[in-house]
Amino acid sequence: MVERPAVRLAVSRAWGGYLHPERLVGAYNRLRNWADKAGIEAHGGKISGASRDDPDLTPLSRCRYDFLIELPDGLVPPTHFSIAERRAGLWAIAPVAGGLDVVDRAWSMLFKSWLPASGLDLRDEPAEEVYLKLPEDIGWTEFDLLCCVPVAHPQN
């Protein structure tokens, strides 16, 4: 469990990336290329990803996936990116290293087993995959990331 601070984020969105992985790679590369030109540090967990839709419920062609990078104060990204804010709050964090099957099992365990047994409530924010090692450093088939779930103590 970790308290994460509020931060402004630049967002690069991919639609239908589960069917067309090149769309995910394209959205990521657009964000990374701009971040490099803007002098924004991308390593060390500064980039994360967030699925906006549950692929078990939403047609894969309509699923959205956002790549996010923390913005320094005062920096405004180009208009083809949106700006979001990650609110400060409590996050459950699970480190995961391995292929997509390992990442999928971690998410399943967090949402189907751990969260219901934890006594905590899910906050109205997207869960995030925080990239400890960037995909271009280790490839797009293996991952080293943190699965982060926004949680809160239940209201009485």
N, C-alpha and C. Protein backbone atom coordinates (compact mmCIF):
# COMPACT_ATOMS: atom_id res chain seq x y z
N MET A 1 0.85 -1.17 0.00
CA MET A 1 0.00 0.00 0.00
C MET A 1 0.90 1.24 0.00
N VAL A 2 0.58 2.17 -0.87
CA VAL A 2 1.38 3.38 -1.04
C VAL A 2 0.45 4.56 -1.23
N GLU A 3 0.79 5.68 -0.60
CA GLU A 3 0.11 6.96 -0.88
C GLU A 3 0.84 7.59 -2.06
N ARG A 4 0.12 7.83 -3.14
CA ARG A 4 0.71 8.49 -4.31
C ARG A 4 0.21 9.93 -4.33
N PRO A 5 1.11 10.87 -4.68
CA PRO A 5 0.72 12.28 -4.72
C PRO A 5 -0.08 12.58 -5.98
N ALA A 6 -0.77 13.71 -5.97
CA ALA A 6 -1.46 14.19 -7.16
C ALA A 6 -0.42 14.65 -8.17
N VAL A 7 -0.67 14.35 -9.45
CA VAL A 7 0.22 14.82 -10.51
C VAL A 7 -0.60 15.07 -11.77
N ARG A 8 -0.11 16.02 -12.58
CA ARG A 8 -0.68 16.25 -13.91
C ARG A 8 -0.02 15.28 -14.86
N LEU A 9 -0.81 14.80 -15.83
CA LEU A 9 -0.32 13.80 -16.76
C LEU A 9 -0.65 14.19 -18.20
N ALA A 10 0.28 13.92 -19.11
CA ALA A 10 -0.02 13.97 -20.53
C ALA A 10 -0.49 12.58 -20.92
N VAL A 11 -1.52 12.52 -21.77
CA VAL A 11 -2.17 11.26 -22.12
C VAL A 11 -2.13 11.04 -23.63
N SER A 12 -1.66 9.86 -24.02
CA SER A 12 -1.69 9.44 -25.42
C SER A 12 -2.56 8.18 -25.48
N ARG A 13 -3.68 8.27 -26.20
CA ARG A 13 -4.69 7.20 -26.21
C ARG A 13 -4.60 6.34 -27.46
N ALA A 14 -4.80 5.04 -27.25
CA ALA A 14 -4.94 4.08 -28.36
C ALA A 14 -6.32 3.45 -28.26
N TRP A 15 -7.01 3.37 -29.40
CA TRP A 15 -8.30 2.69 -29.50
C TRP A 15 -8.09 1.34 -30.18
N GLY A 16 -8.71 0.29 -29.66
CA GLY A 16 -8.66 -1.01 -30.31
C GLY A 16 -7.30 -1.67 -30.28
N GLY A 17 -6.47 -1.30 -29.34
CA GLY A 17 -5.10 -1.82 -29.28
C GLY A 17 -5.00 -3.30 -28.96
N TYR A 18 -6.02 -3.87 -28.33
CA TYR A 18 -5.97 -5.31 -28.04
C TYR A 18 -6.12 -6.12 -29.31
N LEU A 19 -6.80 -5.57 -30.31
CA LEU A 19 -6.91 -6.22 -31.62
C LEU A 19 -5.76 -5.83 -32.54
N HIS A 20 -5.27 -4.61 -32.38
CA HIS A 20 -4.23 -4.07 -33.25
C HIS A 20 -3.09 -3.52 -32.37
N PRO A 21 -2.18 -4.40 -31.93
CA PRO A 21 -1.10 -3.96 -31.02
C PRO A 21 -0.27 -2.81 -31.56
N GLU A 22 -0.20 -2.65 -32.88
CA GLU A 22 0.58 -1.54 -33.44
C GLU A 22 -0.01 -0.18 -33.02
N ARG A 23 -1.29 -0.14 -32.70
CA ARG A 23 -1.90 1.10 -32.22
C ARG A 23 -1.39 1.43 -30.82
N LEU A 24 -1.21 0.40 -29.99
CA LEU A 24 -0.63 0.62 -28.66
C LEU A 24 0.80 1.13 -28.78
N VAL A 25 1.58 0.48 -29.62
CA VAL A 25 2.97 0.88 -29.81
C VAL A 25 3.02 2.31 -30.37
N GLY A 26 2.14 2.64 -31.31
CA GLY A 26 2.12 3.99 -31.87
C GLY A 26 1.80 5.06 -30.83
N ALA A 27 0.80 4.80 -29.98
CA ALA A 27 0.44 5.76 -28.93
C ALA A 27 1.59 5.94 -27.95
N TYR A 28 2.23 4.85 -27.60
CA TYR A 28 3.37 4.91 -26.69
C TYR A 28 4.51 5.71 -27.34
N ASN A 29 4.85 5.38 -28.60
CA ASN A 29 5.96 6.06 -29.27
C ASN A 29 5.71 7.55 -29.43
N ARG A 30 4.47 7.95 -29.71
CA ARG A 30 4.16 9.39 -29.81
C ARG A 30 4.47 10.08 -28.48
N LEU A 31 4.08 9.46 -27.38
CA LEU A 31 4.33 10.05 -26.06
C LEU A 31 5.82 10.10 -25.76
N ARG A 32 6.51 9.00 -26.01
CA ARG A 32 7.95 8.95 -25.73
C ARG A 32 8.73 9.94 -26.58
N ASN A 33 8.41 10.02 -27.86
CA ASN A 33 9.13 10.95 -28.73
C ASN A 33 8.95 12.39 -28.28
N TRP A 34 7.70 12.75 -27.92
CA TRP A 34 7.48 14.11 -27.43
C TRP A 34 8.19 14.34 -26.11
N ALA A 35 8.11 13.35 -25.19
CA ALA A 35 8.76 13.50 -23.88
C ALA A 35 10.26 13.69 -24.04
N ASP A 36 10.87 12.95 -24.94
CA ASP A 36 12.31 13.11 -25.17
C ASP A 36 12.62 14.52 -25.66
N LYS A 37 11.84 15.02 -26.63
CA LYS A 37 12.07 16.37 -27.16
C LYS A 37 11.83 17.44 -26.10
N ALA A 38 10.87 17.18 -25.19
CA ALA A 38 10.56 18.15 -24.14
C ALA A 38 11.49 18.03 -22.93
N GLY A 39 12.37 17.03 -22.95
CA GLY A 39 13.31 16.85 -21.85
C GLY A 39 12.68 16.25 -20.60
N ILE A 40 11.60 15.48 -20.77
CA ILE A 40 10.92 14.85 -19.63
C ILE A 40 11.53 13.48 -19.39
N GLU A 41 11.90 13.21 -18.18
CA GLU A 41 12.44 11.90 -17.81
C GLU A 41 11.35 10.86 -17.88
N ALA A 42 11.62 9.75 -18.58
CA ALA A 42 10.61 8.71 -18.77
C ALA A 42 10.91 7.45 -17.96
N HIS A 43 12.14 7.30 -17.51
CA HIS A 43 12.53 6.09 -16.78
C HIS A 43 12.09 6.18 -15.32
N GLY A 44 12.18 5.05 -14.63
CA GLY A 44 11.93 5.03 -13.20
C GLY A 44 10.48 5.19 -12.80
N GLY A 45 9.58 4.66 -13.62
CA GLY A 45 8.17 4.70 -13.26
C GLY A 45 7.45 5.99 -13.60
N LYS A 46 8.03 6.82 -14.45
CA LYS A 46 7.38 8.07 -14.84
C LYS A 46 6.31 7.86 -15.90
N ILE A 47 6.37 6.72 -16.60
CA ILE A 47 5.35 6.38 -17.60
C ILE A 47 4.51 5.25 -17.08
N SER A 48 3.22 5.39 -17.29
CA SER A 48 2.31 4.31 -16.90
C SER A 48 1.27 4.13 -18.00
N GLY A 49 0.52 3.08 -17.88
CA GLY A 49 -0.55 2.80 -18.81
C GLY A 49 -1.82 2.50 -18.04
N ALA A 50 -2.96 2.81 -18.65
CA ALA A 50 -4.24 2.59 -17.98
C ALA A 50 -5.27 2.14 -19.00
N SER A 51 -5.81 0.96 -18.78
CA SER A 51 -6.91 0.49 -19.62
C SER A 51 -8.18 1.17 -19.13
N ARG A 52 -8.89 1.82 -20.02
CA ARG A 52 -10.11 2.53 -19.64
C ARG A 52 -11.35 1.65 -19.69
N ASP A 53 -11.21 0.45 -20.25
CA ASP A 53 -12.36 -0.42 -20.44
C ASP A 53 -11.99 -1.85 -20.05
N ASP A 54 -12.98 -2.60 -19.61
CA ASP A 54 -12.79 -4.01 -19.30
C ASP A 54 -12.99 -4.80 -20.60
N PRO A 55 -11.93 -5.45 -21.11
CA PRO A 55 -12.08 -6.16 -22.38
C PRO A 55 -13.03 -7.35 -22.31
N ASP A 56 -13.41 -7.76 -21.11
CA ASP A 56 -14.43 -8.81 -20.98
C ASP A 56 -15.84 -8.26 -21.18
N LEU A 57 -15.99 -6.93 -21.08
CA LEU A 57 -17.31 -6.30 -21.19
C LEU A 57 -17.46 -5.41 -22.42
N THR A 58 -16.35 -4.84 -22.88
CA THR A 58 -16.37 -3.88 -23.99
C THR A 58 -15.83 -4.56 -25.24
N PRO A 59 -16.47 -4.36 -26.39
CA PRO A 59 -15.90 -4.92 -27.63
C PRO A 59 -14.44 -4.47 -27.79
N LEU A 60 -13.58 -5.39 -28.16
CA LEU A 60 -12.15 -5.08 -28.24
C LEU A 60 -11.86 -3.91 -29.17
N SER A 61 -12.67 -3.73 -30.19
CA SER A 61 -12.44 -2.62 -31.11
C SER A 61 -12.72 -1.26 -30.45
N ARG A 62 -13.45 -1.25 -29.34
CA ARG A 62 -13.80 0.00 -28.64
C ARG A 62 -12.99 0.21 -27.36
N CYS A 63 -12.14 -0.75 -27.01
CA CYS A 63 -11.35 -0.61 -25.79
C CYS A 63 -10.30 0.48 -25.95
N ARG A 64 -10.18 1.28 -24.91
CA ARG A 64 -9.22 2.39 -24.89
C ARG A 64 -8.08 2.06 -23.93
N TYR A 65 -6.87 2.42 -24.33
CA TYR A 65 -5.71 2.27 -23.46
C TYR A 65 -4.93 3.57 -23.52
N ASP A 66 -4.65 4.14 -22.35
CA ASP A 66 -3.94 5.41 -22.26
C ASP A 66 -2.51 5.19 -21.77
N PHE A 67 -1.56 5.83 -22.43
CA PHE A 67 -0.20 5.93 -21.91
C PHE A 67 -0.09 7.30 -21.27
N LEU A 68 0.49 7.35 -20.08
CA LEU A 68 0.53 8.56 -19.27
C LEU A 68 1.98 8.88 -18.89
N ILE A 69 2.31 10.15 -18.88
CA ILE A 69 3.61 10.57 -18.37
C ILE A 69 3.40 11.78 -17.47
N GLU A 70 4.11 11.80 -16.37
CA GLU A 70 4.00 12.90 -15.41
C GLU A 70 4.57 14.17 -16.03
N LEU A 71 3.82 15.25 -15.88
CA LEU A 71 4.21 16.54 -16.46
C LEU A 71 4.89 17.43 -15.41
N PRO A 72 6.01 18.03 -15.77
CA PRO A 72 6.59 19.04 -14.88
C PRO A 72 5.64 20.24 -14.77
N ASP A 73 5.72 20.96 -13.67
CA ASP A 73 4.88 22.15 -13.47
C ASP A 73 5.05 23.12 -14.64
N GLY A 74 3.92 23.62 -15.13
CA GLY A 74 3.92 24.64 -16.17
C GLY A 74 4.05 24.13 -17.59
N LEU A 75 4.41 22.87 -17.79
CA LEU A 75 4.56 22.34 -19.14
C LEU A 75 3.21 21.92 -19.70
N VAL A 76 2.91 22.38 -20.91
CA VAL A 76 1.66 22.03 -21.58
C VAL A 76 2.02 21.19 -22.79
N PRO A 77 1.45 19.98 -22.90
CA PRO A 77 1.77 19.13 -24.05
C PRO A 77 1.08 19.62 -25.32
N PRO A 78 1.50 19.13 -26.47
CA PRO A 78 0.83 19.48 -27.73
C PRO A 78 -0.64 19.07 -27.69
N THR A 79 -1.43 19.66 -28.56
CA THR A 79 -2.88 19.46 -28.53
C THR A 79 -3.32 18.04 -28.89
N HIS A 80 -2.46 17.24 -29.51
CA HIS A 80 -2.87 15.86 -29.82
C HIS A 80 -2.79 14.94 -28.60
N PHE A 81 -2.33 15.46 -27.47
CA PHE A 81 -2.38 14.75 -26.19
C PHE A 81 -3.43 15.43 -25.33
N SER A 82 -4.04 14.66 -24.46
CA SER A 82 -4.93 15.29 -23.48
C SER A 82 -4.17 15.42 -22.16
N ILE A 83 -4.75 16.16 -21.25
CA ILE A 83 -4.17 16.34 -19.93
C ILE A 83 -5.13 15.74 -18.92
N ALA A 84 -4.60 14.99 -17.98
CA ALA A 84 -5.40 14.39 -16.91
C ALA A 84 -4.69 14.67 -15.59
N GLU A 85 -5.41 14.42 -14.52
CA GLU A 85 -4.79 14.53 -13.20
C GLU A 85 -5.02 13.25 -12.45
N ARG A 86 -3.95 12.71 -11.91
CA ARG A 86 -4.06 11.59 -10.98
C ARG A 86 -4.20 12.21 -9.60
N ARG A 87 -5.33 11.96 -8.97
CA ARG A 87 -5.56 12.52 -7.64
C ARG A 87 -4.70 11.79 -6.61
N ALA A 88 -4.34 12.49 -5.57
CA ALA A 88 -3.59 11.88 -4.47
C ALA A 88 -4.47 10.83 -3.81
N GLY A 89 -3.84 9.77 -3.34
CA GLY A 89 -4.62 8.76 -2.65
C GLY A 89 -3.84 7.48 -2.42
N LEU A 90 -4.54 6.54 -1.85
CA LEU A 90 -3.98 5.24 -1.48
C LEU A 90 -4.08 4.28 -2.66
N TRP A 91 -2.98 3.57 -2.91
CA TRP A 91 -2.91 2.60 -4.01
C TRP A 91 -2.36 1.28 -3.48
N ALA A 92 -2.99 0.19 -3.89
CA ALA A 92 -2.44 -1.15 -3.67
C ALA A 92 -1.51 -1.43 -4.84
N ILE A 93 -0.32 -1.91 -4.54
CA ILE A 93 0.69 -2.06 -5.58
C ILE A 93 1.26 -3.47 -5.55
N ALA A 94 1.30 -4.09 -6.73
CA ALA A 94 1.88 -5.43 -6.86
C ALA A 94 2.92 -5.41 -7.97
N PRO A 95 4.18 -5.74 -7.64
CA PRO A 95 5.20 -5.81 -8.69
C PRO A 95 4.98 -7.06 -9.55
N VAL A 96 5.18 -6.90 -10.87
CA VAL A 96 4.96 -8.00 -11.80
C VAL A 96 6.07 -7.97 -12.84
N ALA A 97 6.66 -9.13 -13.10
CA ALA A 97 7.66 -9.26 -14.16
C ALA A 97 7.34 -10.52 -14.94
N GLY A 98 7.25 -10.38 -16.26
CA GLY A 98 6.98 -11.53 -17.10
C GLY A 98 6.17 -11.13 -18.31
N GLY A 99 5.63 -12.15 -18.97
CA GLY A 99 4.85 -11.94 -20.17
C GLY A 99 3.44 -11.46 -19.87
N LEU A 100 2.66 -11.25 -20.93
CA LEU A 100 1.28 -10.78 -20.78
C LEU A 100 0.45 -11.72 -19.93
N ASP A 101 0.72 -13.03 -20.00
CA ASP A 101 -0.03 -13.98 -19.19
C ASP A 101 0.20 -13.74 -17.70
N VAL A 102 1.42 -13.38 -17.33
CA VAL A 102 1.73 -13.09 -15.92
C VAL A 102 1.04 -11.80 -15.49
N VAL A 103 1.08 -10.79 -16.36
CA VAL A 103 0.42 -9.51 -16.06
C VAL A 103 -1.09 -9.73 -15.91
N ASP A 104 -1.69 -10.48 -16.82
CA ASP A 104 -3.13 -10.77 -16.74
C ASP A 104 -3.49 -11.50 -15.45
N ARG A 105 -2.67 -12.48 -15.06
CA ARG A 105 -2.94 -13.21 -13.79
C ARG A 105 -2.85 -12.27 -12.59
N ALA A 106 -1.90 -11.34 -12.62
CA ALA A 106 -1.76 -10.39 -11.50
C ALA A 106 -3.00 -9.52 -11.39
N TRP A 107 -3.49 -8.99 -12.52
CA TRP A 107 -4.70 -8.16 -12.49
C TRP A 107 -5.89 -8.96 -12.00
N SER A 108 -6.02 -10.18 -12.48
CA SER A 108 -7.13 -11.03 -12.07
C SER A 108 -7.08 -11.29 -10.57
N MET A 109 -5.90 -11.61 -10.05
CA MET A 109 -5.76 -11.85 -8.62
C MET A 109 -6.11 -10.59 -7.82
N LEU A 110 -5.62 -9.45 -8.26
CA LEU A 110 -5.89 -8.21 -7.53
C LEU A 110 -7.39 -7.89 -7.47
N PHE A 111 -8.08 -7.98 -8.61
CA PHE A 111 -9.49 -7.58 -8.65
C PHE A 111 -10.45 -8.66 -8.18
N LYS A 112 -10.14 -9.92 -8.45
CA LYS A 112 -11.09 -10.99 -8.12
C LYS A 112 -10.85 -11.63 -6.76
N SER A 113 -9.62 -11.57 -6.26
CA SER A 113 -9.31 -12.21 -4.96
C SER A 113 -8.91 -11.19 -3.90
N TRP A 114 -7.84 -10.44 -4.18
CA TRP A 114 -7.29 -9.57 -3.15
C TRP A 114 -8.25 -8.46 -2.75
N LEU A 115 -8.76 -7.69 -3.72
CA LEU A 115 -9.61 -6.54 -3.40
C LEU A 115 -10.86 -6.93 -2.60
N PRO A 116 -11.62 -7.97 -3.01
CA PRO A 116 -12.80 -8.33 -2.21
C PRO A 116 -12.45 -8.75 -0.78
N ALA A 117 -11.28 -9.36 -0.59
CA ALA A 117 -10.89 -9.82 0.75
C ALA A 117 -10.21 -8.73 1.57
N SER A 118 -9.84 -7.61 0.94
CA SER A 118 -9.04 -6.59 1.62
C SER A 118 -9.83 -5.71 2.58
N GLY A 119 -11.13 -5.61 2.37
CA GLY A 119 -11.92 -4.68 3.17
C GLY A 119 -11.84 -3.25 2.66
N LEU A 120 -11.17 -3.04 1.54
CA LEU A 120 -11.03 -1.71 0.95
C LEU A 120 -12.01 -1.55 -0.20
N ASP A 121 -12.31 -0.31 -0.54
CA ASP A 121 -13.16 -0.01 -1.68
C ASP A 121 -12.29 0.44 -2.85
N LEU A 122 -12.77 0.20 -4.04
CA LEU A 122 -12.12 0.69 -5.24
C LEU A 122 -12.51 2.15 -5.43
N ARG A 123 -11.51 3.02 -5.64
CA ARG A 123 -11.79 4.43 -5.92
C ARG A 123 -12.14 4.59 -7.39
N ASP A 124 -12.81 5.69 -7.72
CA ASP A 124 -13.22 5.97 -9.09
C ASP A 124 -12.07 6.60 -9.87
N GLU A 125 -11.05 5.79 -10.11
CA GLU A 125 -9.90 6.18 -10.91
C GLU A 125 -9.44 4.92 -11.63
N PRO A 126 -8.81 5.06 -12.78
CA PRO A 126 -8.34 3.85 -13.46
C PRO A 126 -7.13 3.24 -12.77
N ALA A 127 -7.09 1.92 -12.76
CA ALA A 127 -5.89 1.22 -12.32
C ALA A 127 -4.79 1.53 -13.34
N GLU A 128 -3.54 1.41 -12.89
CA GLU A 128 -2.42 1.76 -13.77
C GLU A 128 -1.36 0.67 -13.75
N GLU A 129 -0.67 0.56 -14.88
CA GLU A 129 0.54 -0.24 -14.98
C GLU A 129 1.70 0.74 -15.04
N VAL A 130 2.51 0.79 -14.00
CA VAL A 130 3.65 1.70 -13.95
C VAL A 130 4.88 0.95 -14.46
N TYR A 131 5.47 1.46 -15.53
CA TYR A 131 6.58 0.78 -16.19
C TYR A 131 7.90 1.05 -15.46
N LEU A 132 8.40 0.02 -14.75
CA LEU A 132 9.69 0.14 -14.10
C LEU A 132 10.81 0.09 -15.14
N LYS A 133 10.63 -0.77 -16.13
CA LYS A 133 11.53 -0.83 -17.29
C LYS A 133 10.67 -0.53 -18.51
N LEU A 134 11.15 0.34 -19.36
CA LEU A 134 10.38 0.78 -20.52
C LEU A 134 10.34 -0.32 -21.59
N PRO A 135 9.22 -0.40 -22.31
CA PRO A 135 9.10 -1.43 -23.34
C PRO A 135 10.25 -1.44 -24.35
N GLU A 136 10.74 -0.27 -24.74
CA GLU A 136 11.84 -0.26 -25.71
C GLU A 136 13.14 -0.80 -25.13
N ASP A 137 13.23 -0.85 -23.80
CA ASP A 137 14.43 -1.39 -23.16
C ASP A 137 14.38 -2.91 -23.01
N ILE A 138 13.16 -3.47 -22.86
CA ILE A 138 13.07 -4.93 -22.65
C ILE A 138 12.15 -5.62 -23.65
N GLY A 139 11.55 -4.87 -24.57
CA GLY A 139 10.68 -5.47 -25.57
C GLY A 139 9.22 -5.37 -25.16
N TRP A 140 8.36 -5.71 -26.09
CA TRP A 140 6.92 -5.60 -25.87
C TRP A 140 6.29 -6.94 -25.52
N THR A 141 7.10 -7.96 -25.26
CA THR A 141 6.54 -9.26 -24.90
C THR A 141 6.80 -9.60 -23.44
N GLU A 142 7.76 -8.95 -22.82
CA GLU A 142 8.05 -9.12 -21.40
C GLU A 142 7.91 -7.76 -20.73
N PHE A 143 7.46 -7.77 -19.49
CA PHE A 143 7.22 -6.51 -18.80
C PHE A 143 7.79 -6.57 -17.39
N ASP A 144 8.19 -5.42 -16.88
CA ASP A 144 8.62 -5.24 -15.50
C ASP A 144 7.87 -3.98 -15.03
N LEU A 145 6.80 -4.20 -14.28
CA LEU A 145 5.92 -3.08 -13.95
C LEU A 145 5.28 -3.28 -12.58
N LEU A 146 4.58 -2.25 -12.18
CA LEU A 146 3.77 -2.30 -10.96
C LEU A 146 2.31 -2.22 -11.36
N CYS A 147 1.52 -3.18 -10.92
CA CYS A 147 0.07 -3.10 -11.08
C CYS A 147 -0.43 -2.28 -9.91
N CYS A 148 -1.09 -1.16 -10.19
CA CYS A 148 -1.51 -0.21 -9.16
C CYS A 148 -3.02 -0.06 -9.17
N VAL A 149 -3.64 -0.33 -8.04
CA VAL A 149 -5.10 -0.27 -7.91
C VAL A 149 -5.46 0.84 -6.93
N PRO A 150 -6.27 1.82 -7.36
CA PRO A 150 -6.67 2.92 -6.46
C PRO A 150 -7.71 2.44 -5.45
N VAL A 151 -7.39 2.54 -4.18
CA VAL A 151 -8.28 2.03 -3.14
C VAL A 151 -8.54 3.09 -2.08
N ALA A 152 -9.57 2.83 -1.28
CA ALA A 152 -9.91 3.73 -0.17
C ALA A 152 -10.53 2.88 0.94
N HIS A 153 -10.41 3.41 2.14
CA HIS A 153 -11.09 2.75 3.25
C HIS A 153 -12.58 2.96 3.10
N PRO A 154 -13.39 1.94 3.39
CA PRO A 154 -14.83 2.08 3.20
C PRO A 154 -15.42 3.19 4.06
N GLN A 155 -16.43 3.83 3.51
CA GLN A 155 -17.17 4.85 4.27
C GLN A 155 -18.18 4.15 5.16
N ASN A 156 -18.29 4.57 6.38
CA ASN A 156 -19.25 3.94 7.31
C ASN A 156 -20.60 4.60 7.24
